Amino acid sequence: MVTRFSTGPISRACLSSDRKARNSRLCGCIQTVANQSLSGSDQRKASRFFSNPQRAHDTWMSQSASDDAFWERYKVFAARSEMSCRGY
C-alpha cells in the first residue's frame, strides 16, 4: 500500500474527473504508482484518458507499435494502481 502521495499530471486529471470515488488521497496514490511505472510522456498521455475515455479505447485499438508498447506499460500501471491504492 502506498503511504506517500504525489502530484502530477495523473493526479490532476484524476481530481478533475467526474468520478464519484475521486479524492486527493486516491489520486495522489495513483500518481505515486504512475511515477514508479510510467515516463513523463506516458503520464501525460494517460492523463488524457480521464477526460476522454474514447482516447483510451482508440489507443488500445491502434495498430501502431508505439501505442501497443504504451498500452502494455499502461496495463502494468493500472494493475499496480488497483492493487496499491485500494481503500483510498
Protein backbone atom coordinates (compact mmCIF):
# COMPACT_ATOMS: atom_id res chain seq x y z
CA MET A 1 0.00 0.00 0.00
CA VAL A 2 1.25 3.47 -0.89
CA THR A 3 1.73 5.82 2.07
CA ARG A 4 3.29 8.82 0.28
CA PHE A 5 1.13 10.68 -2.17
CA SER A 6 2.39 12.60 -5.19
CA THR A 7 1.13 15.31 -7.51
CA GLY A 8 1.48 15.35 -11.26
CA PRO A 9 -0.49 15.00 -14.48
CA ILE A 10 -2.31 11.83 -13.42
CA SER A 11 -3.35 13.19 -10.01
CA ARG A 12 -4.54 16.48 -11.53
CA ALA A 13 -6.58 14.66 -14.17
CA CYS A 14 -7.98 12.31 -11.54
CA LEU A 15 -9.06 15.19 -9.30
CA SER A 16 -10.63 17.00 -12.26
CA SER A 17 -12.61 13.95 -13.35
CA ASP A 18 -16.29 13.43 -12.66
CA ARG A 19 -15.76 10.09 -10.92
CA LYS A 20 -17.54 9.81 -7.57
CA ALA A 21 -14.68 7.98 -5.85
CA ARG A 22 -12.07 10.66 -6.55
CA ASN A 23 -10.29 12.24 -3.61
CA SER A 24 -6.82 13.66 -3.02
CA ARG A 25 -5.51 10.52 -1.32
CA LEU A 26 -6.68 8.19 -4.09
CA CYS A 27 -5.48 10.48 -6.87
CA GLY A 28 -2.15 11.05 -5.09
CA CYS A 29 -1.71 7.32 -4.66
CA ILE A 30 -2.37 6.70 -8.35
CA GLN A 31 0.18 9.41 -9.21
CA THR A 32 2.78 7.78 -6.95
CA VAL A 33 2.31 4.49 -8.81
CA ALA A 34 2.49 6.37 -12.13
CA ASN A 35 5.81 7.89 -11.07
CA GLN A 36 7.12 4.36 -10.50
CA SER A 37 5.62 2.84 -13.65
CA LEU A 38 5.35 5.42 -16.43
CA SER A 39 7.60 8.01 -18.05
CA GLY A 40 6.56 11.65 -18.02
CA SER A 41 5.27 11.45 -21.59
CA ASP A 42 3.35 8.24 -20.77
CA GLN A 43 1.79 10.02 -17.78
CA ARG A 44 0.68 12.95 -19.91
CA LYS A 45 -0.82 10.58 -22.47
CA ALA A 46 -2.61 8.53 -19.79
CA SER A 47 -3.90 11.65 -18.02
CA ARG A 48 -5.96 12.48 -21.11
CA PHE A 49 -7.96 9.26 -20.60
CA PHE A 50 -9.69 10.78 -17.55
CA SER A 51 -11.40 13.49 -19.59
CA ASN A 52 -11.76 11.47 -22.79
CA PRO A 53 -12.20 7.71 -22.25
CA GLN A 54 -12.59 7.27 -26.01
CA ARG A 55 -8.91 8.18 -26.32
CA ALA A 56 -8.02 5.13 -24.20
CA HIS A 57 -10.11 2.91 -26.45
CA ASP A 58 -8.53 4.40 -29.58
CA THR A 59 -5.04 3.83 -28.16
CA TRP A 60 -5.90 0.25 -27.24
CA MET A 61 -7.28 -0.44 -30.73
CA SER A 62 -4.46 1.35 -32.54
CA GLN A 63 -2.26 -0.67 -34.86
CA SER A 64 0.89 1.36 -34.15
CA ALA A 65 3.84 -0.29 -32.44
CA SER A 66 4.35 2.72 -30.17
CA ASP A 67 0.72 2.62 -28.99
CA ASP A 68 0.99 -1.13 -28.42
CA ALA A 69 4.12 -0.64 -26.30
CA PHE A 70 2.46 2.18 -24.37
CA TRP A 71 -0.64 0.05 -23.76
CA GLU A 72 1.47 -2.75 -22.25
CA ARG A 73 3.10 -0.25 -19.85
CA TYR A 74 -0.30 1.27 -19.09
CA LYS A 75 -1.81 -2.14 -18.20
CA VAL A 76 1.02 -2.77 -15.71
CA PHE A 77 0.46 0.69 -14.22
CA ALA A 78 -3.30 0.14 -13.96
CA ALA A 79 -2.88 -3.23 -12.24
CA ARG A 80 -0.34 -1.79 -9.77
CA SER A 81 -2.60 1.18 -9.06
CA GLU A 82 -5.58 -1.03 -8.40
CA MET A 83 -3.57 -3.21 -6.02
CA SER A 84 -1.70 -0.38 -4.26
CA CYS A 85 -4.47 2.21 -3.97
CA ARG A 86 -7.41 0.06 -2.93
CA GLY A 87 -9.11 1.55 0.10
CA TYR A 88 -8.35 5.20 -0.62
